[in-house]
Structures are given as C-alpha cells and as structure tokens.
C-alpha cells in the first residue's frame, strides 16, 4: 500500500535522456560482430559452406551464426538509445559501423600474402569500406537534419505562446500484450484566425500512460504560416 499514486509518480518522473556514452557499448559490439561475421563468411565461402561434414569449416559456421545474433542485439540497443535522444546518430550510422567491421573481418582473411610486397587491396574489402563510408555519411546528414528541426522546434516553443489542442484520433484501440505501441495520432487546434486545423504525428504510447480521444494538448505553431506542419510542436500535458 502507498499514499502516492504510483501511476502519477511514474508520469512525473524525469525521462532519462540517452547520451553519446549510451552508444559506446552497442558500437563496439557492432564493429566487433561485423568483423567476426565478415571473417566467418569469407572463410566459409572458401568451401561454400559445404554439406559434407568433412569439408565444413565448423569454426566459421559457429562464428557466422553467433555474430549474426550479436549484430541484431547491438543494432537493437543502438536503436533504443537513439530513440530516446533524436540528436544521437541513428540506425544509418549503426549499419555503417557494422559494415566497416565486416570490411575489416573480410580483409583479414582475403588479403593475399603478396600484400606485403605489392599494394594490392581485395576488391570486396574495398567495396565494403565504400559502403560503410556511405552509410556513415548518410547518418551524419540525417543527424544534422534532425538537429536543425529540433532547434527550430525549441525556438518556436521559446518565442511563441501555445494554444490548446486536442486528440481527435488516438490511433489505436487496444494494446494487446504490448507495454507500448507506436501509432499515428491526429490532433486538432485553432490558429490565430480561428481556423480549425488538423495535424497527424507519430507517437509512442505507453500502456501506463495511454493517450485518449479528447485529451487536451499544448500546440505551438508558426503564426505567419500556420499551415507549415514542419513548424508545429505538440506536447502532452501529462
């Protein structure tokens, strides 16, 4: 028994915001698992992962399976951390780190001994490195774009007064067995001229703090151009 409403206390607690440090461990695992997978696939390709038990490279098979699971887990951890802080690098960067690891792992097996005498670079290792750089570059561009949008939203909130909006379509009917769901929510508000407007936003809804039709929210918008959906900020009051 408690004298404090636990659900209210949960809603009022400050949300933990992920930092760059949150990506260190997933990043190390992405790089390492990618390298092991590149190494394993290159070794296994030498025998085509033969069905003949005598020709199978057991170490390569086990490494390929284990590293694949490790990659999925690391990518999930990275995505969860990035979702808690939109200013962090997203999944594009995570994929780039994994592919870079795969390039290194492949190169360890595939580069010929002549590399010691001649500047020869395995084409596949080079190609993987190019793909990794492309993903990392796209991730950097995407992160910069998100940062600009967040800065613009923060400026809008600082310089304008919110109006009251409400939820017209909560975007879900039930949670089933999920503790939270991602859905599209429709909101409505009236601009400075009294014109009613609607806007749809993706939202993650927790079963302990459900969003319902009719719930009032705060809405900030560009007074000069209220139709600009990129300059509309919606925040719950609970």
Protein backbone atom coordinates (compact mmCIF):
# COMPACT_ATOMS: atom_id res chain seq x y z
CA UNK A 1 0.00 0.00 0.00
CA UNK A 2 1.13 3.53 -0.74
CA UNK A 3 -0.13 7.03 -0.06
CA UNK A 4 1.19 8.14 -3.50
CA UNK A 5 -0.44 7.24 -6.79
CA UNK A 6 2.27 5.11 -8.48
CA UNK A 7 0.98 5.87 -11.98
CA UNK A 8 1.08 9.61 -11.35
CA UNK A 9 4.58 9.32 -9.89
CA UNK A 10 5.70 7.39 -12.96
CA UNK A 11 4.32 10.06 -15.30
CA UNK A 12 6.02 12.87 -13.38
CA UNK A 13 9.46 11.27 -13.15
CA UNK A 14 12.08 12.87 -15.44
CA UNK A 15 12.69 10.77 -18.52
CA UNK A 16 16.24 9.51 -18.83
CA UNK A 17 17.78 11.05 -21.92
CA UNK A 18 20.37 8.95 -23.68
CA UNK A 19 23.80 10.45 -24.31
CA UNK A 20 26.64 9.60 -26.67
CA UNK A 21 28.04 7.29 -23.98
CA UNK A 22 24.94 5.11 -24.44
CA UNK A 23 26.14 4.21 -27.94
CA UNK A 24 29.67 3.15 -26.97
CA UNK A 25 28.91 -0.44 -25.98
CA UNK A 26 26.47 -1.09 -28.87
CA UNK A 27 29.02 0.49 -31.23
CA UNK A 28 31.83 -1.77 -30.03
CA UNK A 29 29.61 -4.82 -30.45
CA UNK A 30 28.50 -3.69 -33.92
CA UNK A 31 32.09 -3.24 -35.03
CA UNK A 32 33.28 -6.49 -33.46
CA UNK A 33 30.33 -8.62 -34.56
CA UNK A 34 30.58 -7.17 -38.07
CA UNK A 35 34.28 -8.08 -38.21
CA UNK A 36 33.62 -11.63 -37.00
CA UNK A 37 30.78 -12.06 -39.49
CA UNK A 38 32.95 -10.79 -42.37
CA UNK A 39 35.74 -13.15 -41.30
CA UNK A 40 33.37 -16.12 -40.95
CA UNK A 41 31.59 -15.62 -44.27
CA UNK A 42 34.88 -15.22 -46.11
CA UNK A 43 36.29 -18.42 -44.61
CA UNK A 44 33.07 -20.31 -45.19
CA UNK A 45 32.85 -19.13 -48.79
CA UNK A 46 36.10 -20.97 -49.50
CA UNK A 47 34.19 -24.26 -49.16
CA UNK A 48 30.80 -22.83 -49.98
CA UNK A 49 29.65 -23.91 -46.51
CA UNK A 50 29.78 -27.46 -47.86
CA UNK A 51 27.18 -30.04 -46.79
CA UNK A 52 29.98 -32.55 -46.47
CA UNK A 53 30.82 -32.76 -42.78
CA UNK A 54 34.44 -33.48 -43.57
CA UNK A 55 34.76 -30.25 -45.56
CA UNK A 56 32.78 -27.97 -43.27
CA UNK A 57 34.56 -25.15 -41.51
CA UNK A 58 32.84 -25.56 -38.15
CA UNK A 59 34.52 -22.50 -36.64
CA UNK A 60 33.28 -20.30 -39.49
CA UNK A 61 29.73 -21.65 -39.24
CA UNK A 62 29.53 -21.10 -35.48
CA UNK A 63 31.09 -17.64 -35.76
CA UNK A 64 28.67 -16.62 -38.52
CA UNK A 65 25.62 -17.67 -36.53
CA UNK A 66 26.80 -16.16 -33.23
CA UNK A 67 27.90 -12.87 -34.78
CA UNK A 68 24.58 -12.52 -36.64
CA UNK A 69 22.68 -12.69 -33.35
CA UNK A 70 25.16 -10.28 -31.75
CA UNK A 71 24.65 -7.83 -34.61
CA UNK A 72 20.87 -7.87 -34.20
CA UNK A 73 21.10 -7.32 -30.45
CA UNK A 74 23.63 -4.50 -30.82
CA UNK A 75 21.55 -2.83 -33.52
CA UNK A 76 18.51 -3.04 -31.24
CA UNK A 77 20.40 -1.48 -28.32
CA UNK A 78 21.67 1.32 -30.58
CA UNK A 79 18.16 1.98 -31.92
CA UNK A 80 16.64 2.11 -28.42
CA UNK A 81 19.25 4.61 -27.24
CA UNK A 82 18.86 6.75 -30.38
CA UNK A 83 15.08 6.73 -29.98
CA UNK A 84 15.45 8.30 -26.51
CA UNK A 85 17.50 11.16 -27.92
CA UNK A 86 16.87 12.25 -31.53
CA UNK A 87 20.12 14.21 -31.52
CA UNK A 88 22.15 10.97 -31.44
CA UNK A 89 23.24 9.17 -34.64
CA UNK A 90 20.52 6.85 -35.89
CA UNK A 91 20.38 3.42 -37.50
CA UNK A 92 22.21 4.53 -40.66
CA UNK A 93 25.33 5.18 -38.61
CA UNK A 94 24.88 1.85 -36.80
CA UNK A 95 24.75 -0.02 -40.11
CA UNK A 96 27.82 1.87 -41.30
CA UNK A 97 29.78 0.79 -38.21
CA UNK A 98 28.76 -2.86 -38.74
CA UNK A 99 29.69 -2.81 -42.44
CA UNK A 100 33.03 -1.22 -41.60
CA UNK A 101 33.68 -4.10 -39.21
CA UNK A 102 32.72 -6.58 -41.92
CA UNK A 103 35.22 -4.97 -44.28
CA UNK A 104 37.99 -5.42 -41.71
CA UNK A 105 36.98 -9.01 -40.99
CA UNK A 106 36.90 -9.89 -44.67
CA UNK A 107 40.24 -8.22 -45.30
CA UNK A 108 41.93 -10.26 -42.56
CA UNK A 109 41.10 -13.48 -44.42
CA UNK A 110 41.03 -12.37 -48.03
CA UNK A 111 44.07 -10.17 -48.49
CA UNK A 112 46.79 -12.23 -50.19
CA UNK A 113 50.31 -12.64 -48.76
CA UNK A 114 51.61 -10.59 -51.69
CA UNK A 115 50.19 -7.55 -49.90
CA UNK A 116 53.48 -7.47 -48.04
CA UNK A 117 55.30 -6.88 -51.32
CA UNK A 118 52.69 -5.23 -53.53
CA UNK A 119 49.98 -2.64 -52.74
CA UNK A 120 47.06 -4.97 -53.54
CA UNK A 121 43.63 -4.36 -51.96
CA UNK A 122 40.92 -7.00 -52.12
CA UNK A 123 38.02 -5.58 -54.23
CA UNK A 124 35.30 -6.80 -51.85
CA UNK A 125 37.03 -5.33 -48.80
CA UNK A 126 37.37 -2.05 -50.68
CA UNK A 127 33.70 -2.17 -51.72
CA UNK A 128 32.54 -2.84 -48.17
CA UNK A 129 34.63 0.07 -46.94
CA UNK A 130 33.00 2.35 -49.53
CA UNK A 131 29.51 1.18 -48.46
CA UNK A 132 30.43 1.77 -44.81
CA UNK A 133 31.60 5.32 -45.54
CA UNK A 134 28.38 5.96 -47.49
CA UNK A 135 26.20 4.83 -44.58
CA UNK A 136 28.24 6.84 -42.10
CA UNK A 137 27.94 9.91 -44.32
CA UNK A 138 24.17 9.48 -44.71
CA UNK A 139 23.90 9.02 -40.95
CA UNK A 140 25.76 12.28 -40.40
CA UNK A 141 23.47 14.14 -42.82
CA UNK A 142 20.34 12.65 -41.22
CA UNK A 143 21.55 13.58 -37.73
CA UNK A 144 22.27 17.16 -38.83
CA UNK A 145 18.78 17.41 -40.33
CA UNK A 146 17.15 16.18 -37.11
CA UNK A 147 19.23 18.65 -35.08
CA UNK A 148 18.06 21.53 -37.26
CA UNK A 149 14.42 20.51 -36.86
CA UNK A 150 14.80 20.17 -33.08
CA UNK A 151 16.50 23.56 -32.84
CA UNK A 152 13.67 25.12 -34.85
CA UNK A 153 11.07 23.47 -32.59
CA UNK A 154 12.86 24.67 -29.45
CA UNK A 155 12.99 28.20 -30.85
CA UNK A 156 9.26 28.07 -31.65
CA UNK A 157 8.44 26.97 -28.11
CA UNK A 158 10.63 29.72 -26.62
CA UNK A 159 9.26 32.54 -28.74
CA UNK A 160 5.53 31.77 -29.05
CA UNK A 161 2.63 31.03 -26.73
CA UNK A 162 0.90 27.66 -27.05
CA UNK A 163 -2.77 27.20 -27.82
CA UNK A 164 -4.94 24.37 -26.58
CA UNK A 165 -5.39 21.46 -28.94
CA UNK A 166 -6.99 18.06 -28.53
CA UNK A 167 -6.72 14.49 -29.74
CA UNK A 168 -9.32 13.56 -32.37
CA UNK A 169 -7.96 10.10 -33.21
CA UNK A 170 -5.77 8.33 -30.68
CA UNK A 171 -4.57 5.92 -33.40
CA UNK A 172 -5.16 2.64 -31.55
CA UNK A 173 -7.94 0.61 -29.97
CA UNK A 174 -6.04 -1.62 -27.51
CA UNK A 175 -2.53 -2.60 -26.51
CA UNK A 176 -2.95 -6.41 -26.60
CA UNK A 177 0.11 -7.79 -24.80
CA UNK A 178 2.40 -4.86 -25.67
CA UNK A 179 3.59 -2.45 -22.99
CA UNK A 180 3.90 0.35 -25.56
CA UNK A 181 2.90 0.89 -29.16
CA UNK A 182 3.93 3.21 -31.99
CA UNK A 183 0.96 4.76 -33.73
CA UNK A 184 -0.18 7.82 -35.69
CA UNK A 185 -2.22 10.30 -33.63
CA UNK A 186 -4.43 13.03 -35.08
CA UNK A 187 -4.66 16.37 -33.26
CA UNK A 188 -6.74 19.47 -33.91
CA UNK A 189 -6.30 23.10 -32.90
CA UNK A 190 -7.42 26.56 -33.98
CA UNK A 191 -4.95 29.11 -35.32
CA UNK A 192 -4.87 32.83 -34.53
CA UNK A 193 -7.62 33.47 -37.11
CA UNK A 194 -9.91 30.84 -35.58
CA UNK A 195 -9.41 28.40 -38.44
CA UNK A 196 -9.56 24.79 -37.25
CA UNK A 197 -6.63 22.69 -38.37
CA UNK A 198 -5.63 19.05 -38.06
CA UNK A 199 -2.20 17.50 -37.92
CA UNK A 200 -1.04 13.89 -37.63
CA UNK A 201 2.04 12.86 -35.65
CA UNK A 202 3.73 9.56 -34.87
CA UNK A 203 3.70 8.84 -31.13
CA UNK A 204 4.88 6.09 -28.81
CA UNK A 205 2.14 5.37 -26.28
CA UNK A 206 2.86 3.56 -23.01
CA UNK A 207 0.18 1.33 -21.50
CA UNK A 208 0.72 3.07 -18.13
CA UNK A 209 0.03 6.49 -19.66
CA UNK A 210 -2.41 5.98 -22.55
CA UNK A 211 -3.38 8.75 -24.94
CA UNK A 212 -7.15 9.04 -25.43
CA UNK A 213 -9.52 10.89 -27.72
CA UNK A 214 -10.44 14.29 -26.36
CA UNK A 215 -7.25 14.72 -24.34
CA UNK A 216 -6.04 18.32 -24.37
CA UNK A 217 -2.51 19.11 -25.51
CA UNK A 218 -0.36 22.22 -25.98
CA UNK A 219 0.27 23.27 -29.57
CA UNK A 220 2.88 25.74 -30.83
CA UNK A 221 2.75 26.87 -34.47
CA UNK A 222 4.15 29.49 -36.80
CA UNK A 223 1.82 32.48 -36.57
CA UNK A 224 2.94 33.67 -40.01
CA UNK A 225 2.30 30.30 -41.68
CA UNK A 226 0.09 28.02 -39.54
CA UNK A 227 -0.16 25.51 -42.41
CA UNK A 228 3.56 24.68 -42.15
CA UNK A 229 3.46 21.26 -40.48
CA UNK A 230 7.22 21.33 -40.01
CA UNK A 231 6.73 24.25 -37.61
CA UNK A 232 4.08 22.72 -35.40
CA UNK A 233 5.06 21.37 -31.97
CA UNK A 234 2.64 19.26 -29.93
CA UNK A 235 3.23 18.26 -26.31
CA UNK A 236 1.09 16.35 -23.86
CA UNK A 237 0.13 17.91 -20.55
CA UNK A 238 0.54 14.69 -18.56
